[in-house]
Amino acid sequence: MTEQTLAASPLPLADVISANVRILRRRKRWTQEQAGQEWETVTGRAVSAQTWYALERPGGRAWTADDIEAAADLFDVELVALLVPLDTCAQCDDQPPAGFICSTCGAEAPRKA
């Protein structure tokens, strides 16, 4: 990755990371609560669903270097993969219809409350 690649993104880096974490979580079919529990297995500290929501929301929370490293471990991706926008699924655009799971990327539609 070059500096040009990083500079090409119109989003702040923290927002890119947040969006990537959301995509990766949905591809694992984890709720925000489940992701917070899985986070504990990597870091030793639990994250509530509310905190996870803030992690995924643009402008919601700053990412520390340790958090980025933990997220890469959690989702089993190279750390650098979190720093550039992930390609969205060509089949569902990472947003399958309500009640469906995309057979291509594994993203699951959010459940209605």
N, C-alpha and C. Protein backbone atom coordinates (compact mmCIF):
# COMPACT_ATOMS: atom_id res chain seq x y z
N MET A 1 0.85 -1.18 0.00
CA MET A 1 0.00 0.00 0.00
C MET A 1 0.89 1.23 0.00
N THR A 2 0.49 2.21 -0.74
CA THR A 2 1.26 3.44 -0.84
C THR A 2 0.51 4.56 -0.13
N GLU A 3 1.20 5.67 0.05
CA GLU A 3 0.53 6.83 0.64
C GLU A 3 -0.60 7.31 -0.26
N GLN A 4 -0.45 7.14 -1.57
CA GLN A 4 -1.50 7.54 -2.51
C GLN A 4 -2.77 6.72 -2.27
N THR A 5 -2.60 5.43 -1.99
CA THR A 5 -3.75 4.58 -1.73
C THR A 5 -4.51 5.08 -0.51
N LEU A 6 -3.78 5.39 0.56
CA LEU A 6 -4.43 5.90 1.77
C LEU A 6 -5.07 7.25 1.50
N ALA A 7 -4.39 8.10 0.76
CA ALA A 7 -4.91 9.44 0.49
C ALA A 7 -6.11 9.42 -0.44
N ALA A 8 -6.29 8.34 -1.20
CA ALA A 8 -7.37 8.27 -2.18
C ALA A 8 -8.75 8.16 -1.52
N SER A 9 -8.80 7.73 -0.29
CA SER A 9 -10.09 7.57 0.39
C SER A 9 -10.63 8.93 0.81
N PRO A 10 -11.91 9.20 0.49
CA PRO A 10 -12.49 10.48 0.88
C PRO A 10 -12.88 10.52 2.36
N LEU A 11 -12.83 9.38 3.03
CA LEU A 11 -13.22 9.31 4.44
C LEU A 11 -12.02 9.46 5.36
N PRO A 12 -12.24 10.00 6.57
CA PRO A 12 -11.16 9.97 7.57
C PRO A 12 -10.79 8.52 7.87
N LEU A 13 -9.54 8.29 8.18
CA LEU A 13 -9.06 6.93 8.41
C LEU A 13 -9.87 6.20 9.47
N ALA A 14 -10.24 6.87 10.55
CA ALA A 14 -11.04 6.23 11.60
C ALA A 14 -12.39 5.75 11.05
N ASP A 15 -12.98 6.51 10.13
CA ASP A 15 -14.25 6.11 9.54
C ASP A 15 -14.09 4.92 8.60
N VAL A 16 -12.95 4.86 7.91
CA VAL A 16 -12.67 3.71 7.04
C VAL A 16 -12.56 2.45 7.90
N ILE A 17 -11.83 2.54 9.00
CA ILE A 17 -11.67 1.40 9.89
C ILE A 17 -13.02 0.98 10.45
N SER A 18 -13.82 1.94 10.89
CA SER A 18 -15.15 1.63 11.44
C SER A 18 -16.02 0.92 10.41
N ALA A 19 -16.01 1.42 9.19
CA ALA A 19 -16.82 0.80 8.13
C ALA A 19 -16.33 -0.62 7.84
N ASN A 20 -15.02 -0.81 7.80
CA ASN A 20 -14.47 -2.14 7.55
C ASN A 20 -14.82 -3.11 8.67
N VAL A 21 -14.75 -2.64 9.90
CA VAL A 21 -15.10 -3.49 11.04
C VAL A 21 -16.58 -3.90 10.96
N ARG A 22 -17.43 -2.98 10.57
CA ARG A 22 -18.85 -3.31 10.43
C ARG A 22 -19.05 -4.37 9.34
N ILE A 23 -18.40 -4.20 8.21
CA ILE A 23 -18.51 -5.16 7.12
C ILE A 23 -18.02 -6.54 7.57
N LEU A 24 -16.87 -6.56 8.22
CA LEU A 24 -16.30 -7.84 8.65
C LEU A 24 -17.16 -8.51 9.72
N ARG A 25 -17.73 -7.72 10.62
CA ARG A 25 -18.62 -8.29 11.65
C ARG A 25 -19.85 -8.91 11.00
N ARG A 26 -20.44 -8.19 10.08
CA ARG A 26 -21.65 -8.70 9.41
C ARG A 26 -21.35 -9.95 8.58
N ARG A 27 -20.18 -10.00 8.00
CA ARG A 27 -19.80 -11.18 7.23
C ARG A 27 -19.63 -12.40 8.14
N LYS A 28 -19.27 -12.16 9.40
CA LYS A 28 -19.16 -13.26 10.37
C LYS A 28 -20.53 -13.63 10.96
N ARG A 29 -21.53 -12.80 10.64
CA ARG A 29 -22.89 -12.98 11.15
C ARG A 29 -22.97 -12.80 12.67
N TRP A 30 -22.13 -11.93 13.19
CA TRP A 30 -22.15 -11.62 14.61
C TRP A 30 -23.01 -10.40 14.86
N THR A 31 -23.75 -10.43 15.95
CA THR A 31 -24.40 -9.22 16.42
C THR A 31 -23.32 -8.35 17.04
N GLN A 32 -23.66 -7.12 17.36
CA GLN A 32 -22.69 -6.25 18.02
C GLN A 32 -22.35 -6.81 19.40
N GLU A 33 -23.31 -7.41 20.06
CA GLU A 33 -23.06 -8.02 21.36
C GLU A 33 -22.08 -9.20 21.22
N GLN A 34 -22.29 -10.04 20.23
CA GLN A 34 -21.39 -11.17 20.00
C GLN A 34 -19.99 -10.69 19.66
N ALA A 35 -19.89 -9.65 18.86
CA ALA A 35 -18.58 -9.11 18.50
C ALA A 35 -17.86 -8.61 19.76
N GLY A 36 -18.60 -7.97 20.65
CA GLY A 36 -18.01 -7.51 21.90
C GLY A 36 -17.49 -8.65 22.74
N GLN A 37 -18.21 -9.77 22.75
CA GLN A 37 -17.76 -10.94 23.49
C GLN A 37 -16.53 -11.55 22.84
N GLU A 38 -16.51 -11.60 21.51
CA GLU A 38 -15.34 -12.11 20.80
C GLU A 38 -14.12 -11.21 21.02
N TRP A 39 -14.38 -9.91 21.12
CA TRP A 39 -13.31 -8.95 21.37
C TRP A 39 -12.59 -9.31 22.67
N GLU A 40 -13.35 -9.77 23.65
CA GLU A 40 -12.76 -10.15 24.93
C GLU A 40 -11.79 -11.32 24.77
N THR A 41 -12.08 -12.24 23.86
CA THR A 41 -11.18 -13.38 23.66
C THR A 41 -9.83 -12.93 23.09
N VAL A 42 -9.83 -11.82 22.38
CA VAL A 42 -8.59 -11.30 21.77
C VAL A 42 -7.86 -10.37 22.72
N THR A 43 -8.62 -9.51 23.42
CA THR A 43 -7.99 -8.45 24.21
C THR A 43 -8.02 -8.68 25.71
N GLY A 44 -8.92 -9.56 26.15
CA GLY A 44 -9.07 -9.77 27.59
C GLY A 44 -10.04 -8.80 28.23
N ARG A 45 -10.63 -7.92 27.43
CA ARG A 45 -11.62 -6.98 27.98
C ARG A 45 -12.87 -7.00 27.09
N ALA A 46 -13.99 -7.10 27.75
CA ALA A 46 -15.26 -7.15 27.03
C ALA A 46 -15.63 -5.77 26.52
N VAL A 47 -16.41 -5.76 25.46
CA VAL A 47 -16.94 -4.52 24.89
C VAL A 47 -18.45 -4.68 24.81
N SER A 48 -19.18 -3.73 25.33
CA SER A 48 -20.64 -3.80 25.30
C SER A 48 -21.15 -3.55 23.88
N ALA A 49 -22.40 -3.93 23.65
CA ALA A 49 -23.01 -3.68 22.35
C ALA A 49 -23.05 -2.19 22.05
N GLN A 50 -23.26 -1.37 23.08
CA GLN A 50 -23.29 0.08 22.87
C GLN A 50 -21.93 0.62 22.45
N THR A 51 -20.87 0.09 23.07
CA THR A 51 -19.52 0.51 22.69
C THR A 51 -19.20 0.02 21.29
N TRP A 52 -19.63 -1.20 20.98
CA TRP A 52 -19.38 -1.72 19.63
C TRP A 52 -20.09 -0.86 18.59
N TYR A 53 -21.31 -0.43 18.90
CA TYR A 53 -22.05 0.46 18.00
C TYR A 53 -21.21 1.72 17.74
N ALA A 54 -20.63 2.27 18.79
CA ALA A 54 -19.81 3.47 18.63
C ALA A 54 -18.56 3.19 17.80
N LEU A 55 -18.00 1.99 17.93
CA LEU A 55 -16.83 1.62 17.13
C LEU A 55 -17.15 1.60 15.64
N GLU A 56 -18.36 1.17 15.31
CA GLU A 56 -18.75 1.03 13.90
C GLU A 56 -19.32 2.32 13.30
N ARG A 57 -19.71 3.25 14.12
CA ARG A 57 -20.36 4.47 13.63
C ARG A 57 -19.31 5.47 13.16
N PRO A 58 -19.47 6.05 11.97
CA PRO A 58 -18.53 7.08 11.53
C PRO A 58 -18.46 8.21 12.55
N GLY A 59 -17.26 8.56 12.93
CA GLY A 59 -17.05 9.62 13.90
C GLY A 59 -17.41 9.22 15.32
N GLY A 60 -17.71 7.95 15.52
CA GLY A 60 -18.18 7.49 16.82
C GLY A 60 -17.12 7.31 17.88
N ARG A 61 -15.94 6.88 17.48
CA ARG A 61 -14.91 6.62 18.47
C ARG A 61 -13.56 6.57 17.75
N ALA A 62 -12.55 7.10 18.39
CA ALA A 62 -11.20 7.04 17.83
C ALA A 62 -10.65 5.63 17.97
N TRP A 63 -9.87 5.22 17.02
CA TRP A 63 -9.24 3.90 17.04
C TRP A 63 -7.80 4.05 17.49
N THR A 64 -7.42 3.32 18.54
CA THR A 64 -6.02 3.31 18.95
C THR A 64 -5.28 2.27 18.12
N ALA A 65 -3.97 2.34 18.12
CA ALA A 65 -3.17 1.35 17.40
C ALA A 65 -3.44 -0.04 17.95
N ASP A 66 -3.58 -0.16 19.27
CA ASP A 66 -3.87 -1.46 19.88
C ASP A 66 -5.23 -1.99 19.44
N ASP A 67 -6.22 -1.09 19.33
CA ASP A 67 -7.55 -1.51 18.88
C ASP A 67 -7.53 -2.00 17.44
N ILE A 68 -6.76 -1.33 16.59
CA ILE A 68 -6.68 -1.73 15.19
C ILE A 68 -6.02 -3.11 15.10
N GLU A 69 -4.96 -3.30 15.86
CA GLU A 69 -4.28 -4.60 15.88
C GLU A 69 -5.22 -5.70 16.38
N ALA A 70 -5.98 -5.39 17.43
CA ALA A 70 -6.93 -6.37 17.98
C ALA A 70 -8.02 -6.69 16.95
N ALA A 71 -8.52 -5.69 16.24
CA ALA A 71 -9.55 -5.92 15.23
C ALA A 71 -9.02 -6.80 14.10
N ALA A 72 -7.79 -6.57 13.70
CA ALA A 72 -7.18 -7.41 12.66
C ALA A 72 -7.10 -8.86 13.14
N ASP A 73 -6.69 -9.05 14.39
CA ASP A 73 -6.64 -10.41 14.95
C ASP A 73 -8.04 -11.01 15.04
N LEU A 74 -8.98 -10.23 15.51
CA LEU A 74 -10.35 -10.71 15.68
C LEU A 74 -10.94 -11.22 14.36
N PHE A 75 -10.72 -10.47 13.30
CA PHE A 75 -11.31 -10.82 12.01
C PHE A 75 -10.35 -11.60 11.11
N ASP A 76 -9.17 -11.91 11.64
CA ASP A 76 -8.18 -12.71 10.92
C ASP A 76 -7.87 -12.10 9.55
N VAL A 77 -7.55 -10.81 9.58
CA VAL A 77 -7.13 -10.10 8.37
C VAL A 77 -5.81 -9.40 8.65
N GLU A 78 -5.10 -9.07 7.60
CA GLU A 78 -3.88 -8.28 7.75
C GLU A 78 -4.28 -6.90 8.28
N LEU A 79 -3.47 -6.36 9.15
CA LEU A 79 -3.77 -5.05 9.74
C LEU A 79 -4.00 -4.00 8.65
N VAL A 80 -3.19 -4.03 7.62
CA VAL A 80 -3.31 -3.04 6.55
C VAL A 80 -4.66 -3.11 5.86
N ALA A 81 -5.32 -4.27 5.87
CA ALA A 81 -6.62 -4.42 5.23
C ALA A 81 -7.69 -3.55 5.89
N LEU A 82 -7.48 -3.19 7.14
CA LEU A 82 -8.45 -2.33 7.83
C LEU A 82 -8.29 -0.86 7.48
N LEU A 83 -7.17 -0.51 6.85
CA LEU A 83 -6.86 0.89 6.61
C LEU A 83 -7.34 1.43 5.28
N VAL A 84 -7.78 0.55 4.40
CA VAL A 84 -8.31 0.99 3.11
C VAL A 84 -9.73 0.44 2.97
N PRO A 85 -10.61 1.16 2.31
CA PRO A 85 -11.99 0.68 2.20
C PRO A 85 -12.06 -0.70 1.57
N LEU A 86 -12.76 -1.60 2.23
CA LEU A 86 -12.99 -2.93 1.69
C LEU A 86 -13.96 -2.83 0.53
N ASP A 87 -13.76 -3.69 -0.43
CA ASP A 87 -14.74 -3.77 -1.51
C ASP A 87 -16.02 -4.37 -0.94
N THR A 88 -17.12 -3.80 -1.33
CA THR A 88 -18.38 -4.37 -0.89
C THR A 88 -18.72 -5.56 -1.78
N CYS A 89 -19.56 -6.40 -1.29
CA CYS A 89 -19.97 -7.60 -2.01
C CYS A 89 -20.67 -7.20 -3.32
N ALA A 90 -20.25 -7.81 -4.41
CA ALA A 90 -20.86 -7.51 -5.71
C ALA A 90 -22.30 -8.01 -5.78
N GLN A 91 -22.62 -9.02 -4.98
CA GLN A 91 -23.97 -9.61 -5.01
C GLN A 91 -24.97 -8.75 -4.23
N CYS A 92 -24.62 -8.36 -3.00
CA CYS A 92 -25.62 -7.71 -2.13
C CYS A 92 -25.22 -6.31 -1.68
N ASP A 93 -24.03 -5.85 -2.07
CA ASP A 93 -23.53 -4.55 -1.62
C ASP A 93 -23.44 -4.51 -0.10
N ASP A 94 -23.19 -5.67 0.52
CA ASP A 94 -23.10 -5.84 1.97
C ASP A 94 -24.38 -5.46 2.70
N GLN A 95 -25.50 -5.45 1.98
CA GLN A 95 -26.80 -5.15 2.58
C GLN A 95 -27.88 -6.05 1.97
N PRO A 96 -27.89 -7.33 2.38
CA PRO A 96 -28.92 -8.21 1.82
C PRO A 96 -30.31 -7.79 2.29
N PRO A 97 -31.34 -8.21 1.58
CA PRO A 97 -32.70 -7.85 1.97
C PRO A 97 -33.04 -8.39 3.37
N ALA A 98 -33.97 -7.74 4.02
CA ALA A 98 -34.39 -8.14 5.37
C ALA A 98 -34.74 -9.62 5.39
N GLY A 99 -34.21 -10.33 6.38
CA GLY A 99 -34.50 -11.74 6.54
C GLY A 99 -33.62 -12.67 5.73
N PHE A 100 -32.62 -12.12 5.02
CA PHE A 100 -31.77 -12.94 4.17
C PHE A 100 -30.30 -12.84 4.57
N ILE A 101 -29.55 -13.87 4.20
CA ILE A 101 -28.10 -13.90 4.36
C ILE A 101 -27.52 -14.07 2.97
N CYS A 102 -26.57 -13.24 2.60
CA CYS A 102 -25.96 -13.32 1.28
C CYS A 102 -25.12 -14.59 1.18
N SER A 103 -25.35 -15.37 0.15
CA SER A 103 -24.59 -16.61 -0.04
C SER A 103 -23.18 -16.34 -0.55
N THR A 104 -22.92 -15.14 -1.02
CA THR A 104 -21.60 -14.81 -1.54
C THR A 104 -20.66 -14.35 -0.43
N CYS A 105 -21.09 -13.37 0.38
CA CYS A 105 -20.19 -12.80 1.40
C CYS A 105 -20.55 -13.20 2.82
N GLY A 106 -21.76 -13.71 3.02
CA GLY A 106 -22.18 -14.12 4.36
C GLY A 106 -22.81 -13.02 5.17
N ALA A 107 -22.95 -11.82 4.60
CA ALA A 107 -23.58 -10.73 5.34
C ALA A 107 -25.04 -11.08 5.62
N GLU A 108 -25.48 -10.73 6.81
CA GLU A 108 -26.85 -10.99 7.21
C GLU A 108 -27.57 -9.68 7.39
N ALA A 109 -28.80 -9.63 6.92
CA ALA A 109 -29.58 -8.40 7.08
C ALA A 109 -29.82 -8.15 8.56
N PRO A 110 -29.80 -6.90 8.98
CA PRO A 110 -30.08 -6.59 10.38
C PRO A 110 -31.47 -7.09 10.76
N ARG A 111 -31.56 -7.52 11.99
CA ARG A 111 -32.85 -8.00 12.48
C ARG A 111 -33.68 -6.82 12.95
N LYS A 112 -34.95 -6.92 12.74
CA LYS A 112 -35.87 -5.88 13.23
C LYS A 112 -36.00 -6.01 14.73
N ALA A 113 -36.10 -4.91 15.42
CA ALA A 113 -36.21 -4.93 16.89
C ALA A 113 -37.60 -5.35 17.32
